[in-house]
PDB file of N, CA and C in Angstrom:
ATOM      1  N   MET A   1       9.868 -28.782 -28.921  1.00  0.00           N
ATOM      2  CA  MET A   1      10.443 -27.457 -28.830  1.00  0.00           C
ATOM      3  C   MET A   1       9.417 -26.399 -29.242  1.00  0.00           C
ATOM      4  N   ASN A   2       8.653 -26.680 -30.287  1.00  0.00           N
ATOM      5  CA  ASN A   2       7.662 -25.737 -30.773  1.00  0.00           C
ATOM      6  C   ASN A   2       6.545 -25.547 -29.746  1.00  0.00           C
ATOM      7  N   ARG A   3       6.135 -26.649 -29.107  1.00  0.00           N
ATOM      8  CA  ARG A   3       5.103 -26.574 -28.093  1.00  0.00           C
ATOM      9  C   ARG A   3       5.555 -25.741 -26.895  1.00  0.00           C
ATOM     10  N   ALA A   4       6.792 -25.891 -26.523  1.00  0.00           N
ATOM     11  CA  ALA A   4       7.323 -25.151 -25.373  1.00  0.00           C
ATOM     12  C   ALA A   4       7.355 -23.650 -25.659  1.00  0.00           C
ATOM     13  N   SER A   5       7.720 -23.278 -26.864  1.00  0.00           N
ATOM     14  CA  SER A   5       7.777 -21.849 -27.179  1.00  0.00           C
ATOM     15  C   SER A   5       6.370 -21.242 -27.235  1.00  0.00           C
ATOM     16  N   VAL A   6       5.399 -21.997 -27.750  1.00  0.00           N
ATOM     17  CA  VAL A   6       4.020 -21.514 -27.784  1.00  0.00           C
ATOM     18  C   VAL A   6       3.478 -21.397 -26.360  1.00  0.00           C
ATOM     19  N   LEU A   7       3.766 -22.389 -25.530  1.00  0.00           N
ATOM     20  CA  LEU A   7       3.318 -22.354 -24.145  1.00  0.00           C
ATOM     21  C   LEU A   7       3.957 -21.181 -23.397  1.00  0.00           C
ATOM     22  N   PHE A   8       5.237 -20.953 -23.624  1.00  0.00           N
ATOM     23  CA  PHE A   8       5.932 -19.839 -22.987  1.00  0.00           C
ATOM     24  C   PHE A   8       5.337 -18.500 -23.437  1.00  0.00           C
ATOM     25  N   ALA A   9       5.049 -18.356 -24.719  1.00  0.00           N
ATOM     26  CA  ALA A   9       4.464 -17.120 -25.233  1.00  0.00           C
ATOM     27  C   ALA A   9       3.071 -16.899 -24.645  1.00  0.00           C
ATOM     28  N   PHE A  10       2.289 -17.957 -24.528  1.00  0.00           N
ATOM     29  CA  PHE A  10       0.951 -17.855 -23.955  1.00  0.00           C
ATOM     30  C   PHE A  10       1.013 -17.450 -22.481  1.00  0.00           C
ATOM     31  N   MET A  11       1.931 -18.045 -21.735  1.00  0.00           N
ATOM     32  CA  MET A  11       2.091 -17.691 -20.324  1.00  0.00           C
ATOM     33  C   MET A  11       2.570 -16.246 -20.172  1.00  0.00           C
ATOM     34  N   TYR A  12       3.425 -15.815 -21.078  1.00  0.00           N
ATOM     35  CA  TYR A  12       3.933 -14.445 -21.039  1.00  0.00           C
ATOM     36  C   TYR A  12       2.800 -13.445 -21.286  1.00  0.00           C
ATOM     37  N   LEU A  13       1.907 -13.755 -22.194  1.00  0.00           N
ATOM     38  CA  LEU A  13       0.769 -12.880 -22.467  1.00  0.00           C
ATOM     39  C   LEU A  13      -0.205 -12.831 -21.294  1.00  0.00           C
ATOM     40  N   LEU A  14      -0.442 -13.977 -20.663  1.00  0.00           N
ATOM     41  CA  LEU A  14      -1.365 -14.016 -19.537  1.00  0.00           C
ATOM     42  C   LEU A  14      -0.804 -13.324 -18.301  1.00  0.00           C
ATOM     43  N   ALA A  15       0.497 -13.268 -18.180  1.00  0.00           N
ATOM     44  CA  ALA A  15       1.106 -12.646 -17.001  1.00  0.00           C
ATOM     45  C   ALA A  15       0.802 -11.155 -16.940  1.00  0.00           C
ATOM     46  N   GLY A  16       0.639 -10.512 -18.067  1.00  0.00           N
ATOM     47  CA  GLY A  16       0.370  -9.080 -18.084  1.00  0.00           C
ATOM     48  C   GLY A  16      -1.097  -8.722 -18.113  1.00  0.00           C
ATOM     49  N   CYS A  17      -1.991  -9.685 -18.075  1.00  0.00           N
ATOM     50  CA  CYS A  17      -3.419  -9.394 -18.201  1.00  0.00           C
ATOM     51  C   CYS A  17      -4.015  -8.735 -16.969  1.00  0.00           C
ATOM     52  N   ASP A  18      -3.551  -9.075 -15.777  1.00  0.00           N
ATOM     53  CA  ASP A  18      -4.198  -8.565 -14.584  1.00  0.00           C
ATOM     54  C   ASP A  18      -3.617  -7.247 -14.099  1.00  0.00           C
ATOM     55  N   ARG A  19      -2.619  -6.710 -14.746  1.00  0.00           N
ATOM     56  CA  ARG A  19      -2.020  -5.449 -14.324  1.00  0.00           C
ATOM     57  C   ARG A  19      -2.910  -4.287 -14.745  1.00  0.00           C
ATOM     58  N   PRO A  20      -3.244  -3.408 -13.802  1.00  0.00           N
ATOM     59  CA  PRO A  20      -4.066  -2.253 -14.171  1.00  0.00           C
ATOM     60  C   PRO A  20      -3.257  -1.264 -14.998  1.00  0.00           C
ATOM     61  N   GLN A  21      -3.935  -0.608 -15.893  1.00  0.00           N
ATOM     62  CA  GLN A  21      -3.271   0.362 -16.750  1.00  0.00           C
ATOM     63  C   GLN A  21      -3.077   1.654 -15.967  1.00  0.00           C
ATOM     64  N   VAL A  22      -1.865   2.192 -15.984  1.00  0.00           N
ATOM     65  CA  VAL A  22      -1.552   3.414 -15.261  1.00  0.00           C
ATOM     66  C   VAL A  22      -2.063   4.602 -16.071  1.00  0.00           C
ATOM     67  N   LEU A  23      -2.894   5.408 -15.445  1.00  0.00           N
ATOM     68  CA  LEU A  23      -3.466   6.567 -16.123  1.00  0.00           C
ATOM     69  C   LEU A  23      -2.589   7.789 -15.883  1.00  0.00           C
ATOM     70  N   SER A  24      -2.416   8.581 -16.916  1.00  0.00           N
ATOM     71  CA  SER A  24      -1.633   9.803 -16.779  1.00  0.00           C
ATOM     72  C   SER A  24      -2.482  10.889 -16.123  1.00  0.00           C
ATOM     73  N   VAL A  25      -1.825  11.958 -15.715  1.00  0.00           N
ATOM     74  CA  VAL A  25      -2.535  13.081 -15.101  1.00  0.00           C
ATOM     75  C   VAL A  25      -3.505  13.700 -16.099  1.00  0.00           C
ATOM     76  N   ASP A  26      -3.085  13.816 -17.359  1.00  0.00           N
ATOM     77  CA  ASP A  26      -3.969  14.388 -18.384  1.00  0.00           C
ATOM     78  C   ASP A  26      -5.192  13.513 -18.624  1.00  0.00           C
ATOM     79  N   ALA A  27      -5.001  12.191 -18.618  1.00  0.00           N
ATOM     80  CA  ALA A  27      -6.132  11.285 -18.816  1.00  0.00           C
ATOM     81  C   ALA A  27      -7.107  11.368 -17.646  1.00  0.00           C
ATOM     82  N   LEU A  28      -6.586  11.528 -16.437  1.00  0.00           N
ATOM     83  CA  LEU A  28      -7.464  11.660 -15.275  1.00  0.00           C
ATOM     84  C   LEU A  28      -8.225  12.982 -15.293  1.00  0.00           C
ATOM     85  N   ALA A  29      -7.587  14.032 -15.792  1.00  0.00           N
ATOM     86  CA  ALA A  29      -8.203  15.360 -15.770  1.00  0.00           C
ATOM     87  C   ALA A  29      -9.313  15.522 -16.802  1.00  0.00           C
ATOM     88  N   THR A  30      -9.400  14.642 -17.784  1.00  0.00           N
ATOM     89  CA  THR A  30     -10.403  14.806 -18.836  1.00  0.00           C
ATOM     90  C   THR A  30     -11.804  14.373 -18.412  1.00  0.00           C
ATOM     91  N   ASP A  31     -11.921  13.474 -17.437  1.00  0.00           N
ATOM     92  CA  ASP A  31     -13.228  12.950 -17.035  1.00  0.00           C
ATOM     93  C   ASP A  31     -13.561  13.413 -15.613  1.00  0.00           C
ATOM     94  N   PRO A  32     -14.400  14.440 -15.450  1.00  0.00           N
ATOM     95  CA  PRO A  32     -14.657  14.973 -14.110  1.00  0.00           C
ATOM     96  C   PRO A  32     -15.402  14.006 -13.191  1.00  0.00           C
ATOM     97  N   ALA A  33     -16.293  13.197 -13.731  1.00  0.00           N
ATOM     98  CA  ALA A  33     -17.038  12.260 -12.883  1.00  0.00           C
ATOM     99  C   ALA A  33     -16.108  11.192 -12.313  1.00  0.00           C
ATOM    100  N   ARG A  34     -15.248  10.670 -13.152  1.00  0.00           N
ATOM    101  CA  ARG A  34     -14.298   9.657 -12.686  1.00  0.00           C
ATOM    102  C   ARG A  34     -13.303  10.267 -11.705  1.00  0.00           C
ATOM    103  N   LEU A  35     -12.869  11.493 -11.981  1.00  0.00           N
ATOM    104  CA  LEU A  35     -11.929  12.176 -11.096  1.00  0.00           C
ATOM    105  C   LEU A  35     -12.555  12.401  -9.722  1.00  0.00           C
ATOM    106  N   HIS A  36     -13.826  12.781  -9.700  1.00  0.00           N
ATOM    107  CA  HIS A  36     -14.523  12.984  -8.426  1.00  0.00           C
ATOM    108  C   HIS A  36     -14.624  11.669  -7.649  1.00  0.00           C
ATOM    109  N   ALA A  37     -14.926  10.578  -8.338  1.00  0.00           N
ATOM    110  CA  ALA A  37     -15.021   9.275  -7.677  1.00  0.00           C
ATOM    111  C   ALA A  37     -13.662   8.824  -7.153  1.00  0.00           C
ATOM    112  N   LEU A  38     -12.612   9.059  -7.924  1.00  0.00           N
ATOM    113  CA  LEU A  38     -11.272   8.669  -7.480  1.00  0.00           C
ATOM    114  C   LEU A  38     -10.812   9.510  -6.293  1.00  0.00           C
ATOM    115  N   ARG A  39     -11.179  10.782  -6.268  1.00  0.00           N
ATOM    116  CA  ARG A  39     -10.836  11.621  -5.114  1.00  0.00           C
ATOM    117  C   ARG A  39     -11.513  11.095  -3.855  1.00  0.00           C
ATOM    118  N   ALA A  40     -12.765  10.674  -3.981  1.00  0.00           N
ATOM    119  CA  ALA A  40     -13.480  10.121  -2.826  1.00  0.00           C
ATOM    120  C   ALA A  40     -12.832   8.820  -2.365  1.00  0.00           C
ATOM    121  N   GLN A  41     -12.388   7.984  -3.302  1.00  0.00           N
ATOM    122  CA  GLN A  41     -11.714   6.742  -2.937  1.00  0.00           C
ATOM    123  C   GLN A  41     -10.380   7.020  -2.258  1.00  0.00           C
ATOM    124  N   CYS A  42      -9.679   8.047  -2.704  1.00  0.00           N
ATOM    125  CA  CYS A  42      -8.402   8.398  -2.069  1.00  0.00           C
ATOM    126  C   CYS A  42      -8.621   8.924  -0.656  1.00  0.00           C
ATOM    127  N   ARG A  43      -9.719   9.630  -0.434  1.00  0.00           N
ATOM    128  CA  ARG A  43     -10.023  10.098   0.923  1.00  0.00           C
ATOM    129  C   ARG A  43     -10.285   8.929   1.859  1.00  0.00           C
ATOM    130  N   ARG A  44     -10.806   7.828   1.321  1.00  0.00           N
ATOM    131  CA  ARG A  44     -11.073   6.634   2.131  1.00  0.00           C
ATOM    132  C   ARG A  44      -9.873   5.690   2.170  1.00  0.00           C
ATOM    133  N   ASP A  45      -8.725   6.116   1.634  1.00  0.00           N
ATOM    134  CA  ASP A  45      -7.480   5.326   1.610  1.00  0.00           C
ATOM    135  C   ASP A  45      -7.640   3.995   0.883  1.00  0.00           C
ATOM    136  N   GLU A  46      -8.329   4.006  -0.249  1.00  0.00           N
ATOM    137  CA  GLU A  46      -8.499   2.793  -1.040  1.00  0.00           C
ATOM    138  C   GLU A  46      -7.396   2.624  -2.082  1.00  0.00           C
ATOM    139  N   HIS A  47      -6.564   3.660  -2.284  1.00  0.00           N
ATOM    140  CA  HIS A  47      -5.480   3.607  -3.267  1.00  0.00           C
ATOM    141  C   HIS A  47      -4.177   3.985  -2.588  1.00  0.00           C
ATOM    142  N   ASP A  48      -3.065   3.677  -3.264  1.00  0.00           N
ATOM    143  CA  ASP A  48      -1.761   4.024  -2.703  1.00  0.00           C
ATOM    144  C   ASP A  48      -1.473   5.514  -2.872  1.00  0.00           C
ATOM    145  N   GLY A  49      -0.434   5.970  -2.209  1.00  0.00           N
ATOM    146  CA  GLY A  49      -0.107   7.390  -2.190  1.00  0.00           C
ATOM    147  C   GLY A  49       0.289   7.951  -3.539  1.00  0.00           C
ATOM    148  N   ALA A  50       0.994   7.168  -4.355  1.00  0.00           N
ATOM    149  CA  ALA A  50       1.433   7.654  -5.664  1.00  0.00           C
ATOM    150  C   ALA A  50       0.234   7.902  -6.578  1.00  0.00           C
ATOM    151  N   PHE A  51      -0.729   6.995  -6.558  1.00  0.00           N
ATOM    152  CA  PHE A  51      -1.915   7.175  -7.392  1.00  0.00           C
ATOM    153  C   PHE A  51      -2.734   8.367  -6.911  1.00  0.00           C
ATOM    154  N   CYS A  52      -2.879   8.514  -5.602  1.00  0.00           N
ATOM    155  CA  CYS A  52      -3.648   9.639  -5.064  1.00  0.00           C
ATOM    156  C   CYS A  52      -2.952  10.963  -5.345  1.00  0.00           C
ATOM    157  N   ALA A  53      -1.631  10.954  -5.414  1.00  0.00           N
ATOM    158  CA  ALA A  53      -0.906  12.175  -5.778  1.00  0.00           C
ATOM    159  C   ALA A  53      -1.200  12.551  -7.227  1.00  0.00           C
ATOM    160  N   ARG A  54      -1.295  11.547  -8.117  1.00  0.00           N
ATOM    161  CA  ARG A  54      -1.654  11.827  -9.515  1.00  0.00           C
ATOM    162  C   ARG A  54      -3.086  12.341  -9.616  1.00  0.00           C
ATOM    163  N   VAL A  55      -3.979  11.790  -8.811  1.00  0.00           N
ATOM    164  CA  VAL A  55      -5.369  12.252  -8.807  1.00  0.00           C
ATOM    165  C   VAL A  55      -5.436  13.700  -8.322  1.00  0.00           C
ATOM    166  N   ALA A  56      -4.700  14.027  -7.271  1.00  0.00           N
ATOM    167  CA  ALA A  56      -4.689  15.404  -6.766  1.00  0.00           C
ATOM    168  C   ALA A  56      -4.091  16.358  -7.796  1.00  0.00           C
ATOM    169  N   GLN A  57      -3.033  15.919  -8.479  1.00  0.00           N
ATOM    170  CA  GLN A  57      -2.421  16.758  -9.510  1.00  0.00           C
ATOM    171  C   GLN A  57      -3.395  16.979 -10.670  1.00  0.00           C
ATOM    172  N   ALA A  58      -4.131  15.942 -11.048  1.00  0.00           N
ATOM    173  CA  ALA A  58      -5.113  16.075 -12.129  1.00  0.00           C
ATOM    174  C   ALA A  58      -6.240  17.014 -11.720  1.00  0.00           C
ATOM    175  N   ASN A  59      -6.675  16.923 -10.470  1.00  0.00           N
ATOM    176  CA  ASN A  59      -7.726  17.807  -9.982  1.00  0.00           C
ATOM    177  C   ASN A  59      -7.249  19.257  -9.988  1.00  0.00           C
ATOM    178  N   LEU A  60      -6.034  19.496  -9.545  1.00  0.00           N
ATOM    179  CA  LEU A  60      -5.486  20.850  -9.542  1.00  0.00           C
ATOM    180  C   LEU A  60      -5.301  21.369 -10.963  1.00  0.00           C
ATOM    181  N   ARG A  61      -4.817  20.508 -11.852  1.00  0.00           N
ATOM    182  CA  ARG A  61      -4.620  20.920 -13.245  1.00  0.00           C
ATOM    183  C   ARG A  61      -5.955  21.263 -13.898  1.00  0.00           C
ATOM    184  N   ARG A  62      -6.975  20.475 -13.608  1.00  0.00           N
ATOM    185  CA  ARG A  62      -8.302  20.744 -14.173  1.00  0.00           C
ATOM    186  C   ARG A  62      -8.850  22.068 -13.648  1.00  0.00           C
ATOM    187  N   PHE A  63      -8.652  22.329 -12.372  1.00  0.00           N
ATOM    188  CA  PHE A  63      -9.155  23.562 -11.772  1.00  0.00           C
ATOM    189  C   PHE A  63      -8.420  24.784 -12.313  1.00  0.00           C
ATOM    190  N   LEU A  64      -7.096  24.727 -12.385  1.00  0.00           N
ATOM    191  CA  LEU A  64      -6.314  25.882 -12.818  1.00  0.00           C
ATOM    192  C   LEU A  64      -6.396  26.124 -14.319  1.00  0.00           C
ATOM    193  N   SER A  65      -6.748  25.107 -15.095  1.00  0.00           N
ATOM    194  CA  SER A  65      -6.820  25.279 -16.544  1.00  0.00           C
ATOM    195  C   SER A  65      -8.127  25.927 -16.992  1.00  0.00           C
ATOM    196  N   GLY A  66      -9.117  25.964 -16.129  1.00  0.00           N
ATOM    197  CA  GLY A  66     -10.397  26.561 -16.494  1.00  0.00           C
ATOM    198  C   GLY A  66     -11.317  25.607 -17.226  1.00  0.00           C
ATOM    199  N   ARG A  67     -11.025  24.310 -17.211  1.00  0.00           N
ATOM    200  CA  ARG A  67     -11.865  23.331 -17.906  1.00  0.00           C
ATOM    201  C   ARG A  67     -13.000  22.824 -17.029  1.00  0.00           C
ATOM    202  N   THR A  68     -13.229  23.444 -15.907  1.00  0.00           N
ATOM    203  CA  THR A  68     -14.261  22.965 -14.999  1.00  0.00           C
ATOM    204  C   THR A  68     -15.625  23.484 -15.419  1.00  0.00           C
ATOM    205  N   GLY A  69     -16.632  22.740 -15.068  1.00  0.00           N
ATOM    206  CA  GLY A  69     -17.992  23.163 -15.356  1.00  0.00           C
ATOM    207  C   GLY A  69     -18.545  24.013 -14.223  1.00  0.00           C
ATOM    208  N   PRO A  70     -19.688  24.658 -14.432  1.00  0.00           N
ATOM    209  CA  PRO A  70     -20.236  25.538 -13.393  1.00  0.00           C
ATOM    210  C   PRO A  70     -20.712  24.783 -12.153  1.00  0.00           C
ATOM    211  N   GLN A  71     -21.053  23.523 -12.284  1.00  0.00           N
ATOM    212  CA  GLN A  71     -21.554  22.761 -11.143  1.00  0.00           C
ATOM    213  C   GLN A  71     -20.489  21.889 -10.490  1.00  0.00           C
ATOM    214  N   GLU A  72     -19.243  21.997 -10.934  1.00  0.00           N
ATOM    215  CA  GLU A  72     -18.228  21.055 -10.465  1.00  0.00           C
ATOM    216  C   GLU A  72     -17.732  21.358  -9.053  1.00  0.00           C
ATOM    217  N   TYR A  73     -17.453  22.610  -8.757  1.00  0.00           N
ATOM    218  CA  TYR A  73     -16.965  22.988  -7.432  1.00  0.00           C
ATOM    219  C   TYR A  73     -18.028  23.860  -6.772  1.00  0.00           C
ATOM    220  N   ARG A  74     -18.784  23.269  -5.852  1.00  0.00           N
ATOM    221  CA  ARG A  74     -19.892  23.991  -5.235  1.00  0.00           C
ATOM    222  C   ARG A  74     -19.522  24.557  -3.866  1.00  0.00           C
ATOM    223  N   THR A  75     -18.629  23.906  -3.130  1.00  0.00           N
ATOM    224  CA  THR A  75     -18.238  24.384  -1.807  1.00  0.00           C
ATOM    225  C   THR A  75     -16.729  24.554  -1.768  1.00  0.00           C
ATOM    226  N   LEU A  76     -16.244  25.211  -0.726  1.00  0.00           N
ATOM    227  CA  LEU A  76     -14.800  25.392  -0.581  1.00  0.00           C
ATOM    228  C   LEU A  76     -14.086  24.062  -0.376  1.00  0.00           C
ATOM    229  N   ALA A  77     -14.760  23.085   0.219  1.00  0.00           N
ATOM    230  CA  ALA A  77     -14.137  21.780   0.435  1.00  0.00           C
ATOM    231  C   ALA A  77     -13.896  21.052  -0.880  1.00  0.00           C
ATOM    232  N   ASP A  78     -14.657  21.367  -1.916  1.00  0.00           N
ATOM    233  CA  ASP A  78     -14.479  20.731  -3.218  1.00  0.00           C
ATOM    234  C   ASP A  78     -13.276  21.271  -3.973  1.00  0.00           C
ATOM    235  N   LEU A  79     -12.831  22.472  -3.627  1.00  0.00           N
ATOM    236  CA  LEU A  79     -11.705  23.074  -4.337  1.00  0.00           C
ATOM    237  C   LEU A  79     -10.409  22.355  -3.998  1.00  0.00           C
ATOM    238  N   PRO A  80      -9.496  22.248  -4.954  1.00  0.00           N
ATOM    239  CA  PRO A  80      -8.207  21.629  -4.658  1.00  0.00           C
ATOM    240  C   PRO A  80      -7.382  22.540  -3.755  1.00  0.00           C
ATOM    241  N   PRO A  81      -6.486  21.972  -2.944  1.00  0.00           N
ATOM    242  CA  PRO A  81      -5.667  22.806  -2.072  1.00  0.00           C
ATOM    243  C   PRO A  81      -4.695  23.662  -2.879  1.00  0.00           C
ATOM    244  N   ILE A  82      -4.378  24.813  -2.354  1.00  0.00           N
ATOM    245  CA  ILE A  82      -3.444  25.714  -3.020  1.00  0.00           C
ATOM    246  C   ILE A  82      -2.034  25.160  -2.860  1.00  0.00           C
ATOM    247  N   PRO A  83      -1.258  25.081  -3.936  1.00  0.00           N
ATOM    248  CA  PRO A  83       0.109  24.567  -3.816  1.00  0.00           C
ATOM    249  C   PRO A  83       0.960  25.456  -2.918  1.00  0.00           C
ATOM    250  N   ALA A  84       1.977  24.877  -2.326  1.00  0.00           N
ATOM    251  CA  ALA A  84       2.839  25.602  -1.400  1.00  0.00           C
ATOM    252  C   ALA A  84       3.582  26.740  -2.077  1.00  0.00           C
ATOM    253  N   SER A  85       3.784  26.667  -3.387  1.00  0.00           N
ATOM    254  CA  SER A  85       4.522  27.716  -4.077  1.00  0.00           C
ATOM    255  C   SER A  85       3.750  29.032  -4.104  1.00  0.00           C
ATOM    256  N   PHE A  86       2.442  28.999  -3.865  1.00  0.00           N
ATOM    257  CA  PHE A  86       1.650  30.216  -3.838  1.00  0.00           C
ATOM    258  C   PHE A  86       1.594  30.838  -2.446  1.00  0.00           C
ATOM    259  N   ASP A  87       1.994  30.093  -1.444  1.00  0.00           N
ATOM    260  CA  ASP A  87       1.966  30.615  -0.086  1.00  0.00           C
ATOM    261  C   ASP A  87       3.178  31.503   0.148  1.00  0.00           C
ATOM    262  N   GLY A  88       2.984  32.548   0.912  1.00  0.00           N
ATOM    263  CA  GLY A  88       4.092  33.425   1.264  1.00  0.00           C
ATOM    264  C   GLY A  88       4.805  32.897   2.497  1.00  0.00           C
ATOM    265  N   PRO A  89       5.958  33.444   2.809  1.00  0.00           N
ATOM    266  CA  PRO A  89       6.668  33.005   4.015  1.00  0.00           C
ATOM    267  C   PRO A  89       5.884  33.394   5.266  1.00  0.00           C
ATOM    268  N   ASP A  90       5.978  32.563   6.279  1.00  0.00           N
ATOM    269  CA  ASP A  90       5.221  32.795   7.508  1.00  0.00           C
ATOM    270  C   ASP A  90       5.746  33.989   8.297  1.00  0.00           C
ATOM    271  N   ASP A  91       7.040  34.269   8.198  1.00  0.00           N
ATOM    272  CA  ASP A  91       7.616  35.326   9.016  1.00  0.00           C
ATOM    273  C   ASP A  91       7.696  36.663   8.274  1.00  0.00           C
ATOM    274  N   ALA A  92       7.006  36.811   7.174  1.00  0.00           N
ATOM    275  CA  ALA A  92       7.034  38.066   6.424  1.00  0.00           C
ATOM    276  C   ALA A  92       6.263  39.133   7.192  1.00  0.00           C
ATOM    277  N   PRO A  93       6.803  40.360   7.228  1.00  0.00           N
ATOM    278  CA  PRO A  93       6.087  41.422   7.946  1.00  0.00           C
ATOM    279  C   PRO A  93       4.800  41.779   7.212  1.00  0.00           C
ATOM    280  N   MET A  94       3.774  41.996   7.978  1.00  0.00           N
ATOM    281  CA  MET A  94       2.484  42.348   7.393  1.00  0.00           C
ATOM    282  C   MET A  94       2.424  43.856   7.190  1.00  0.00           C
ATOM    283  N   GLU A  95       1.754  44.265   6.152  1.00  0.00           N
ATOM    284  CA  GLU A  95       1.600  45.690   5.883  1.00  0.00           C
ATOM    285  C   GLU A  95       0.588  46.283   6.848  1.00  0.00           C
ATOM    286  N   LYS A  96       0.871  47.485   7.269  1.00  0.00           N
ATOM    287  CA  LYS A  96      -0.066  48.179   8.147  1.00  0.00           C
ATOM    288  C   LYS A  96      -1.016  48.987   7.288  1.00  0.00           C
ATOM    289  N   ARG A  97      -2.261  48.883   7.592  1.00  0.00           N
ATOM    290  CA  ARG A  97      -3.267  49.642   6.855  1.00  0.00           C
ATOM    291  C   ARG A  97      -3.525  50.956   7.572  1.00  0.00           C
ATOM    292  N   PRO A  98      -3.678  52.027   6.796  1.00  0.00           N
ATOM    293  CA  PRO A  98      -3.940  53.327   7.440  1.00  0.00           C
ATOM    294  C   PRO A  98      -5.320  53.415   8.024  1.00  0.00           C
TER     295      PRO A  98
END
C-alpha cells in the first residue's frame, strides 16, 4: 500500500512537468526582447490564438504605458494596432474646413 501511494505521488508530479507555464500580460510586457520575439512567432502562426492575443495585449500595454525605449519602435509597422475603441464611427459626418 505504501509503495502504491509513493508511485502514485511520483506519477502525479511527473504529469505536470511538461506543461508550459502560462505567462500573464504584465510578465510579457516587462521583457521587450522576448516580447518582440514572441510577436514574430505569432506572425508566423507558431502559437495559438489565445497566446497571441495576450502577446498583442502586452505589446499594446507596453506602448501605451510609456515604458518603451527609444529604439523599440522604429517604423510604423512596429507600432501596435490602435484598438477599435479609439476609432470613430464610419458614417460620421466630416467637418468642412474653411
